[in-house]
Amino acid sequence: MKDFFTYGERVDGYDVPVLNEREARAGAGILFAIGILSLLNAVMLGHGVVTRYFISFFTLDFLIRVINPAYAPSLLLGRVFVQNQKPEYVGAAQKRFAWTIGLLLAIPMFYMLVIHWQPNPIKVLICILCLTLLLFESAFSICLGCKLYNLIMPQKATHCPGGVCEIQTKDPIQTFNGVQKVIVTLVIIAFSYGLYSYFTKVESKTMLAKKVSDMMLSDEERLAKEEAKMQREFDEF
């Protein structure tokens, strides 16, 4: 029983309990893939069956991660794919803190979207926030919760993914010259403007766009839209 509640693994050469970052990234990628599919399924088909199952699994998985990540289903699935790769050890304390944030986001989602199915823009934004955190961890090995750990906790984190907690000098391949900075800036501006234009200027013709547009309406706006639709149908009749 004592071993069950021991958080992290003791590895020679590390002064704190650690976890395998490769498993964490693989688990985050698995959850992100299932999560984005469940979100698209809910938006495009108009039902939340898959989303409810995903949020239930997500909540249970993060609860186990906070108690003992050695038995978290997504991390064990991740181990299946990365078991032959050399482990990348990171501090267990900051990962537990980050996963606690994930659990605190999952609990209200479980109540509002599983127990009481009442989707609205705020609940959807919470889902998108969770997916964003998973994307950053899986694609870029950036643990935003771990960064928040360093801002809040008096004892700073050590052994972070990619060695970002330790002071180091960047190699030339990690830096940007003037032209590269201009390219990155233009790409970010173009993507941001394109996303803004899609939701504000493009007519909603696809089912996905219509669903997203409707979800962003208030109850009064949605009622007015339905009344206007009924009036048009009456006039045509």
C-alpha atoms as a PDB file:
ATOM      1  CA  MET A   1       0.000   0.000   0.000  1.00  0.00           C
ATOM      2  CA  LYS A   2       2.897   2.366   0.784  1.00  0.00           C
ATOM      3  CA  ASP A   3       4.347   1.779  -2.687  1.00  0.00           C
ATOM      4  CA  PHE A   4       0.977   2.571  -4.280  1.00  0.00           C
ATOM      5  CA  PHE A   5       0.954   6.082  -2.810  1.00  0.00           C
ATOM      6  CA  THR A   6       4.618   6.718  -3.617  1.00  0.00           C
ATOM      7  CA  TYR A   7       4.536   9.334  -6.354  1.00  0.00           C
ATOM      8  CA  GLY A   8       7.097   9.019  -9.133  1.00  0.00           C
ATOM      9  CA  GLU A   9      10.110   6.773  -9.503  1.00  0.00           C
ATOM     10  CA  ARG A  10      13.493   6.979  -7.834  1.00  0.00           C
ATOM     11  CA  VAL A  11      16.216   6.842 -10.492  1.00  0.00           C
ATOM     12  CA  ASP A  12      19.968   6.935  -9.926  1.00  0.00           C
ATOM     13  CA  GLY A  13      21.398  10.367 -10.707  1.00  0.00           C
ATOM     14  CA  TYR A  14      18.200  12.286  -9.922  1.00  0.00           C
ATOM     15  CA  ASP A  15      17.672  13.961  -6.570  1.00  0.00           C
ATOM     16  CA  VAL A  16      13.859  14.017  -6.845  1.00  0.00           C
ATOM     17  CA  PRO A  17      11.206  11.462  -7.896  1.00  0.00           C
ATOM     18  CA  VAL A  18      10.791  11.495 -11.675  1.00  0.00           C
ATOM     19  CA  LEU A  19       8.422  10.413 -14.434  1.00  0.00           C
ATOM     20  CA  ASN A  20       9.022   9.457 -18.057  1.00  0.00           C
ATOM     21  CA  GLU A  21       8.221  12.499 -20.203  1.00  0.00           C
ATOM     22  CA  ARG A  22       7.986  10.329 -23.326  1.00  0.00           C
ATOM     23  CA  GLU A  23       5.030   8.455 -21.790  1.00  0.00           C
ATOM     24  CA  ALA A  24       3.429  11.743 -20.720  1.00  0.00           C
ATOM     25  CA  ARG A  25       3.705  13.181 -24.241  1.00  0.00           C
ATOM     26  CA  ALA A  26       2.372   9.990 -25.808  1.00  0.00           C
ATOM     27  CA  GLY A  27      -0.559   9.942 -23.366  1.00  0.00           C
ATOM     28  CA  ALA A  28      -1.302  13.603 -24.072  1.00  0.00           C
ATOM     29  CA  GLY A  29      -1.266  12.906 -27.810  1.00  0.00           C
ATOM     30  CA  ILE A  30      -3.693  10.000 -27.421  1.00  0.00           C
ATOM     31  CA  LEU A  31      -6.088  12.110 -25.342  1.00  0.00           C
ATOM     32  CA  PHE A  32      -5.814  15.032 -27.779  1.00  0.00           C
ATOM     33  CA  ALA A  33      -6.621  12.829 -30.781  1.00  0.00           C
ATOM     34  CA  ILE A  34      -9.672  11.279 -29.090  1.00  0.00           C
ATOM     35  CA  GLY A  35     -10.748  14.646 -27.676  1.00  0.00           C
ATOM     36  CA  ILE A  36     -10.673  16.524 -30.977  1.00  0.00           C
ATOM     37  CA  LEU A  37     -12.607  13.695 -32.643  1.00  0.00           C
ATOM     38  CA  SER A  38     -15.249  13.751 -29.905  1.00  0.00           C
ATOM     39  CA  LEU A  39     -15.569  17.539 -30.162  1.00  0.00           C
ATOM     40  CA  LEU A  40     -15.973  17.437 -33.943  1.00  0.00           C
ATOM     41  CA  ASN A  41     -18.465  14.596 -33.582  1.00  0.00           C
ATOM     42  CA  ALA A  42     -20.573  16.661 -31.162  1.00  0.00           C
ATOM     43  CA  VAL A  43     -20.426  19.775 -33.362  1.00  0.00           C
ATOM     44  CA  MET A  44     -21.087  18.097 -36.707  1.00  0.00           C
ATOM     45  CA  LEU A  45     -23.624  15.450 -35.663  1.00  0.00           C
ATOM     46  CA  GLY A  46     -25.325  17.395 -32.898  1.00  0.00           C
ATOM     47  CA  HIS A  47     -25.139  14.759 -30.141  1.00  0.00           C
ATOM     48  CA  GLY A  48     -22.789  14.279 -27.234  1.00  0.00           C
ATOM     49  CA  VAL A  49     -22.532  10.527 -26.795  1.00  0.00           C
ATOM     50  CA  VAL A  50     -18.855  10.309 -27.770  1.00  0.00           C
ATOM     51  CA  THR A  51     -18.044  13.521 -25.891  1.00  0.00           C
ATOM     52  CA  ARG A  52     -19.628  12.168 -22.708  1.00  0.00           C
ATOM     53  CA  TYR A  53     -17.577   8.990 -22.882  1.00  0.00           C
ATOM     54  CA  PHE A  54     -14.402  10.958 -23.571  1.00  0.00           C
ATOM     55  CA  ILE A  55     -14.935  13.405 -20.702  1.00  0.00           C
ATOM     56  CA  SER A  56     -15.688  10.504 -18.343  1.00  0.00           C
ATOM     57  CA  PHE A  57     -12.477   8.761 -19.406  1.00  0.00           C
ATOM     58  CA  PHE A  58     -10.513  12.038 -19.251  1.00  0.00           C
ATOM     59  CA  THR A  59     -11.707  12.761 -15.685  1.00  0.00           C
ATOM     60  CA  LEU A  60     -10.957   9.232 -14.450  1.00  0.00           C
ATOM     61  CA  ASP A  61      -7.554   9.233 -16.161  1.00  0.00           C
ATOM     62  CA  PHE A  62      -6.471  12.535 -14.582  1.00  0.00           C
ATOM     63  CA  LEU A  63      -7.772  11.451 -11.177  1.00  0.00           C
ATOM     64  CA  ILE A  64      -5.522   8.383 -11.377  1.00  0.00           C
ATOM     65  CA  ARG A  65      -2.633  10.536 -12.643  1.00  0.00           C
ATOM     66  CA  VAL A  66      -2.887  12.727  -9.549  1.00  0.00           C
ATOM     67  CA  ILE A  67      -3.032   9.692  -7.214  1.00  0.00           C
ATOM     68  CA  ASN A  68      -0.498   7.443  -8.941  1.00  0.00           C
ATOM     69  CA  PRO A  69       0.398   7.905 -12.644  1.00  0.00           C
ATOM     70  CA  ALA A  70       1.813   4.377 -12.838  1.00  0.00           C
ATOM     71  CA  TYR A  71      -1.766   3.142 -13.311  1.00  0.00           C
ATOM     72  CA  ALA A  72      -3.203   5.910 -15.513  1.00  0.00           C
ATOM     73  CA  PRO A  73      -4.746   4.297 -18.641  1.00  0.00           C
ATOM     74  CA  SER A  74      -3.536   6.924 -21.142  1.00  0.00           C
ATOM     75  CA  LEU A  75       0.028   6.776 -19.807  1.00  0.00           C
ATOM     76  CA  LEU A  76       0.040   2.994 -20.019  1.00  0.00           C
ATOM     77  CA  LEU A  77      -1.214   3.213 -23.604  1.00  0.00           C
ATOM     78  CA  GLY A  78       1.546   5.725 -24.287  1.00  0.00           C
ATOM     79  CA  ARG A  79       4.079   3.284 -22.838  1.00  0.00           C
ATOM     80  CA  VAL A  80       3.020   0.703 -25.411  1.00  0.00           C
ATOM     81  CA  PHE A  81       4.294   3.010 -28.176  1.00  0.00           C
ATOM     82  CA  VAL A  82       7.429   4.420 -26.498  1.00  0.00           C
ATOM     83  CA  GLN A  83       8.625   1.453 -24.437  1.00  0.00           C
ATOM     84  CA  ASN A  84      11.627   0.916 -26.729  1.00  0.00           C
ATOM     85  CA  GLN A  85      12.709   4.578 -26.585  1.00  0.00           C
ATOM     86  CA  LYS A  86      15.230   5.907 -24.087  1.00  0.00           C
ATOM     87  CA  PRO A  87      13.314   7.487 -21.146  1.00  0.00           C
ATOM     88  CA  GLU A  88      13.411  11.246 -20.680  1.00  0.00           C
ATOM     89  CA  TYR A  89      13.072  11.806 -16.952  1.00  0.00           C
ATOM     90  CA  VAL A  90      11.300  14.886 -15.581  1.00  0.00           C
ATOM     91  CA  GLY A  91      10.426  15.948 -12.040  1.00  0.00           C
ATOM     92  CA  ALA A  92       7.250  14.289 -10.744  1.00  0.00           C
ATOM     93  CA  ALA A  93       6.183  17.208  -8.523  1.00  0.00           C
ATOM     94  CA  GLN A  94       5.519  19.709 -11.326  1.00  0.00           C
ATOM     95  CA  LYS A  95       3.793  17.084 -13.481  1.00  0.00           C
ATOM     96  CA  ARG A  96       1.461  16.246 -10.587  1.00  0.00           C
ATOM     97  CA  PHE A  97       0.704  19.961 -10.192  1.00  0.00           C
ATOM     98  CA  ALA A  98      -0.048  20.287 -13.921  1.00  0.00           C
ATOM     99  CA  TRP A  99      -2.271  17.204 -13.918  1.00  0.00           C
ATOM    100  CA  THR A 100      -4.130  18.552 -10.870  1.00  0.00           C
ATOM    101  CA  ILE A 101      -5.014  21.610 -12.974  1.00  0.00           C
ATOM    102  CA  GLY A 102      -6.274  19.234 -15.666  1.00  0.00           C
ATOM    103  CA  LEU A 103      -8.402  17.420 -13.072  1.00  0.00           C
ATOM    104  CA  LEU A 104      -9.842  20.719 -11.808  1.00  0.00           C
ATOM    105  CA  LEU A 105     -10.878  21.519 -15.395  1.00  0.00           C
ATOM    106  CA  ALA A 106     -12.255  18.016 -15.940  1.00  0.00           C
ATOM    107  CA  ILE A 107     -14.529  17.891 -12.864  1.00  0.00           C
ATOM    108  CA  PRO A 108     -16.831  20.792 -13.884  1.00  0.00           C
ATOM    109  CA  MET A 109     -16.842  19.480 -17.463  1.00  0.00           C
ATOM    110  CA  PHE A 110     -17.942  16.077 -16.163  1.00  0.00           C
ATOM    111  CA  TYR A 111     -20.782  17.647 -14.196  1.00  0.00           C
ATOM    112  CA  MET A 112     -21.939  20.042 -16.929  1.00  0.00           C
ATOM    113  CA  LEU A 113     -21.526  17.800 -19.972  1.00  0.00           C
ATOM    114  CA  VAL A 114     -21.985  14.272 -18.629  1.00  0.00           C
ATOM    115  CA  ILE A 115     -24.392  14.536 -15.699  1.00  0.00           C
ATOM    116  CA  HIS A 116     -26.250  17.571 -17.078  1.00  0.00           C
ATOM    117  CA  TRP A 117     -25.865  17.818 -20.868  1.00  0.00           C
ATOM    118  CA  GLN A 118     -26.216  21.562 -21.424  1.00  0.00           C
ATOM    119  CA  PRO A 119     -23.500  22.725 -23.846  1.00  0.00           C
ATOM    120  CA  ASN A 120     -22.801  26.438 -24.125  1.00  0.00           C
ATOM    121  CA  PRO A 121     -19.842  28.560 -25.312  1.00  0.00           C
ATOM    122  CA  ILE A 122     -18.182  28.657 -21.868  1.00  0.00           C
ATOM    123  CA  LYS A 123     -18.233  24.866 -21.524  1.00  0.00           C
ATOM    124  CA  VAL A 124     -16.943  24.462 -25.067  1.00  0.00           C
ATOM    125  CA  LEU A 125     -14.122  26.901 -24.330  1.00  0.00           C
ATOM    126  CA  ILE A 126     -13.132  24.810 -21.282  1.00  0.00           C
ATOM    127  CA  CYS A 127     -12.926  21.763 -23.559  1.00  0.00           C
ATOM    128  CA  ILE A 128     -10.845  23.721 -26.061  1.00  0.00           C
ATOM    129  CA  LEU A 129      -8.538  24.877 -23.235  1.00  0.00           C
ATOM    130  CA  CYS A 130      -7.965  21.258 -22.173  1.00  0.00           C
ATOM    131  CA  LEU A 131      -7.256  20.259 -25.779  1.00  0.00           C
ATOM    132  CA  THR A 132      -4.831  23.181 -26.114  1.00  0.00           C
ATOM    133  CA  LEU A 133      -2.910  22.057 -23.018  1.00  0.00           C
ATOM    134  CA  LEU A 134      -2.753  18.514 -24.419  1.00  0.00           C
ATOM    135  CA  LEU A 135      -1.571  19.818 -27.804  1.00  0.00           C
ATOM    136  CA  PHE A 136       1.218  21.893 -26.267  1.00  0.00           C
ATOM    137  CA  GLU A 137       2.453  18.929 -24.256  1.00  0.00           C
ATOM    138  CA  SER A 138       2.227  16.334 -27.022  1.00  0.00           C
ATOM    139  CA  ALA A 139       3.410  18.417 -29.985  1.00  0.00           C
ATOM    140  CA  PHE A 140       5.878  20.857 -28.415  1.00  0.00           C
ATOM    141  CA  SER A 141       6.768  19.193 -25.071  1.00  0.00           C
ATOM    142  CA  ILE A 142       5.637  22.396 -23.335  1.00  0.00           C
ATOM    143  CA  CYS A 143       3.968  21.760 -19.975  1.00  0.00           C
ATOM    144  CA  LEU A 144       2.121  25.004 -19.263  1.00  0.00           C
ATOM    145  CA  GLY A 145       1.064  23.713 -15.842  1.00  0.00           C
ATOM    146  CA  CYS A 146       4.727  23.104 -15.008  1.00  0.00           C
ATOM    147  CA  LYS A 147       5.515  26.727 -15.882  1.00  0.00           C
ATOM    148  CA  LEU A 148       2.714  27.844 -13.570  1.00  0.00           C
ATOM    149  CA  TYR A 149       4.233  25.622 -10.868  1.00  0.00           C
ATOM    150  CA  ASN A 150       7.427  27.682 -10.951  1.00  0.00           C
ATOM    151  CA  LEU A 151       5.447  30.906 -10.576  1.00  0.00           C
ATOM    152  CA  ILE A 152       3.453  29.707  -7.549  1.00  0.00           C
ATOM    153  CA  MET A 153       5.520  27.190  -5.592  1.00  0.00           C
ATOM    154  CA  PRO A 154       8.442  28.416  -3.435  1.00  0.00           C
ATOM    155  CA  GLN A 155      10.552  25.395  -4.370  1.00  0.00           C
ATOM    156  CA  LYS A 156      11.342  25.659  -8.073  1.00  0.00           C
ATOM    157  CA  ALA A 157      10.911  22.692 -10.385  1.00  0.00           C
ATOM    158  CA  THR A 158      13.903  20.730 -11.599  1.00  0.00           C
ATOM    159  CA  HIS A 159      14.408  18.290 -14.460  1.00  0.00           C
ATOM    160  CA  CYS A 160      11.803  19.839 -16.769  1.00  0.00           C
ATOM    161  CA  PRO A 161      11.082  18.636 -20.347  1.00  0.00           C
ATOM    162  CA  GLY A 162      13.873  19.713 -22.664  1.00  0.00           C
ATOM    163  CA  GLY A 163      15.885  21.030 -19.711  1.00  0.00           C
ATOM    164  CA  VAL A 164      14.004  24.361 -19.705  1.00  0.00           C
ATOM    165  CA  CYS A 165      14.237  24.669 -15.900  1.00  0.00           C
ATOM    166  CA  GLU A 166      18.016  24.749 -15.992  1.00  0.00           C
ATOM    167  CA  ILE A 167      19.849  27.871 -17.156  1.00  0.00           C
ATOM    168  CA  GLN A 168      21.468  27.204 -20.510  1.00  0.00           C
ATOM    169  CA  THR A 169      22.766  29.000 -23.577  1.00  0.00           C
ATOM    170  CA  LYS A 170      20.850  28.392 -26.792  1.00  0.00           C
ATOM    171  CA  ASP A 171      22.664  26.797 -29.701  1.00  0.00           C
ATOM    172  CA  PRO A 172      22.662  28.740 -32.998  1.00  0.00           C
ATOM    173  CA  ILE A 173      20.073  26.355 -34.489  1.00  0.00           C
ATOM    174  CA  GLN A 174      17.629  27.356 -31.710  1.00  0.00           C
ATOM    175  CA  THR A 175      17.767  31.090 -32.427  1.00  0.00           C
ATOM    176  CA  PHE A 176      16.146  33.271 -35.132  1.00  0.00           C
ATOM    177  CA  ASN A 177      17.847  35.663 -37.503  1.00  0.00           C
ATOM    178  CA  GLY A 178      16.115  38.825 -38.738  1.00  0.00           C
ATOM    179  CA  VAL A 179      14.492  37.244 -41.796  1.00  0.00           C
ATOM    180  CA  GLN A 180      13.233  34.251 -39.808  1.00  0.00           C
ATOM    181  CA  LYS A 181      11.660  36.571 -37.203  1.00  0.00           C
ATOM    182  CA  VAL A 182       9.823  38.454 -39.962  1.00  0.00           C
ATOM    183  CA  ILE A 183       8.549  35.179 -41.476  1.00  0.00           C
ATOM    184  CA  VAL A 184       7.292  33.877 -38.116  1.00  0.00           C
ATOM    185  CA  THR A 185       5.596  37.198 -37.326  1.00  0.00           C
ATOM    186  CA  LEU A 186       3.845  37.318 -40.713  1.00  0.00           C
ATOM    187  CA  VAL A 187       2.670  33.710 -40.392  1.00  0.00           C
ATOM    188  CA  ILE A 188       1.200  34.353 -36.933  1.00  0.00           C
ATOM    189  CA  ILE A 189      -0.573  37.500 -38.165  1.00  0.00           C
ATOM    190  CA  ALA A 190      -1.915  35.699 -41.241  1.00  0.00           C
ATOM    191  CA  PHE A 191      -3.230  32.743 -39.232  1.00  0.00           C
ATOM    192  CA  SER A 192      -4.810  35.023 -36.611  1.00  0.00           C
ATOM    193  CA  TYR A 193      -6.512  37.189 -39.233  1.00  0.00           C
ATOM    194  CA  GLY A 194      -7.678  34.111 -41.157  1.00  0.00           C
ATOM    195  CA  LEU A 195      -9.238  32.597 -38.047  1.00  0.00           C
ATOM    196  CA  TYR A 196     -10.923  35.900 -37.171  1.00  0.00           C
ATOM    197  CA  SER A 197     -12.245  36.312 -40.716  1.00  0.00           C
ATOM    198  CA  TYR A 198     -13.572  32.758 -40.806  1.00  0.00           C
ATOM    199  CA  PHE A 199     -15.768  33.296 -37.763  1.00  0.00           C
ATOM    200  CA  THR A 200     -16.817  36.890 -38.497  1.00  0.00           C
ATOM    201  CA  LYS A 201     -16.865  37.461 -42.270  1.00  0.00           C
ATOM    202  CA  VAL A 202     -17.399  34.115 -43.986  1.00  0.00           C
ATOM    203  CA  GLU A 203     -20.993  33.046 -44.472  1.00  0.00           C
ATOM    204  CA  SER A 204     -21.798  29.896 -42.488  1.00  0.00           C
ATOM    205  CA  LYS A 205     -22.554  27.338 -45.188  1.00  0.00           C
ATOM    206  CA  THR A 206     -21.050  24.162 -43.778  1.00  0.00           C
ATOM    207  CA  MET A 207     -22.665  22.234 -40.942  1.00  0.00           C
ATOM    208  CA  LEU A 208     -19.543  22.737 -38.782  1.00  0.00           C
ATOM    209  CA  ALA A 209     -19.518  26.513 -39.271  1.00  0.00           C
ATOM    210  CA  LYS A 210     -23.238  26.781 -38.561  1.00  0.00           C
ATOM    211  CA  LYS A 211     -22.911  24.763 -35.385  1.00  0.00           C
ATOM    212  CA  VAL A 212     -19.996  26.867 -34.133  1.00  0.00           C
ATOM    213  CA  SER A 213     -21.847  30.061 -35.025  1.00  0.00           C
ATOM    214  CA  ASP A 214     -25.000  28.919 -33.197  1.00  0.00           C
ATOM    215  CA  MET A 215     -23.032  27.886 -30.115  1.00  0.00           C
ATOM    216  CA  MET A 216     -21.596  31.387 -29.827  1.00  0.00           C
ATOM    217  CA  LEU A 217     -25.057  32.997 -29.708  1.00  0.00           C
ATOM    218  CA  SER A 218     -26.761  34.047 -26.490  1.00  0.00           C
ATOM    219  CA  ASP A 219     -30.176  32.626 -25.611  1.00  0.00           C
ATOM    220  CA  GLU A 220     -31.851  35.858 -26.751  1.00  0.00           C
ATOM    221  CA  GLU A 221     -29.992  35.883 -30.069  1.00  0.00           C
ATOM    222  CA  ARG A 222     -30.785  32.206 -30.642  1.00  0.00           C
ATOM    223  CA  LEU A 223     -34.487  32.826 -29.930  1.00  0.00           C
ATOM    224  CA  ALA A 224     -34.545  35.821 -32.272  1.00  0.00           C
ATOM    225  CA  LYS A 225     -32.875  33.748 -34.982  1.00  0.00           C
ATOM    226  CA  GLU A 226     -35.462  30.966 -34.625  1.00  0.00           C
ATOM    227  CA  GLU A 227     -38.324  33.487 -34.746  1.00  0.00           C
ATOM    228  CA  ALA A 228     -36.868  35.089 -37.860  1.00  0.00           C
ATOM    229  CA  LYS A 229     -36.569  31.658 -39.482  1.00  0.00           C
ATOM    230  CA  MET A 230     -40.187  30.839 -38.633  1.00  0.00           C
ATOM    231  CA  GLN A 231     -41.288  34.199 -40.037  1.00  0.00           C
ATOM    232  CA  ARG A 232     -39.432  33.557 -43.316  1.00  0.00           C
ATOM    233  CA  GLU A 233     -41.027  30.125 -43.620  1.00  0.00           C
ATOM    234  CA  PHE A 234     -44.459  31.645 -42.929  1.00  0.00           C
ATOM    235  CA  ASP A 235     -43.928  34.366 -45.534  1.00  0.00           C
ATOM    236  CA  GLU A 236     -42.839  31.772 -48.112  1.00  0.00           C
ATOM    237  CA  PHE A 237     -45.896  29.660 -47.325  1.00  0.00           C
END
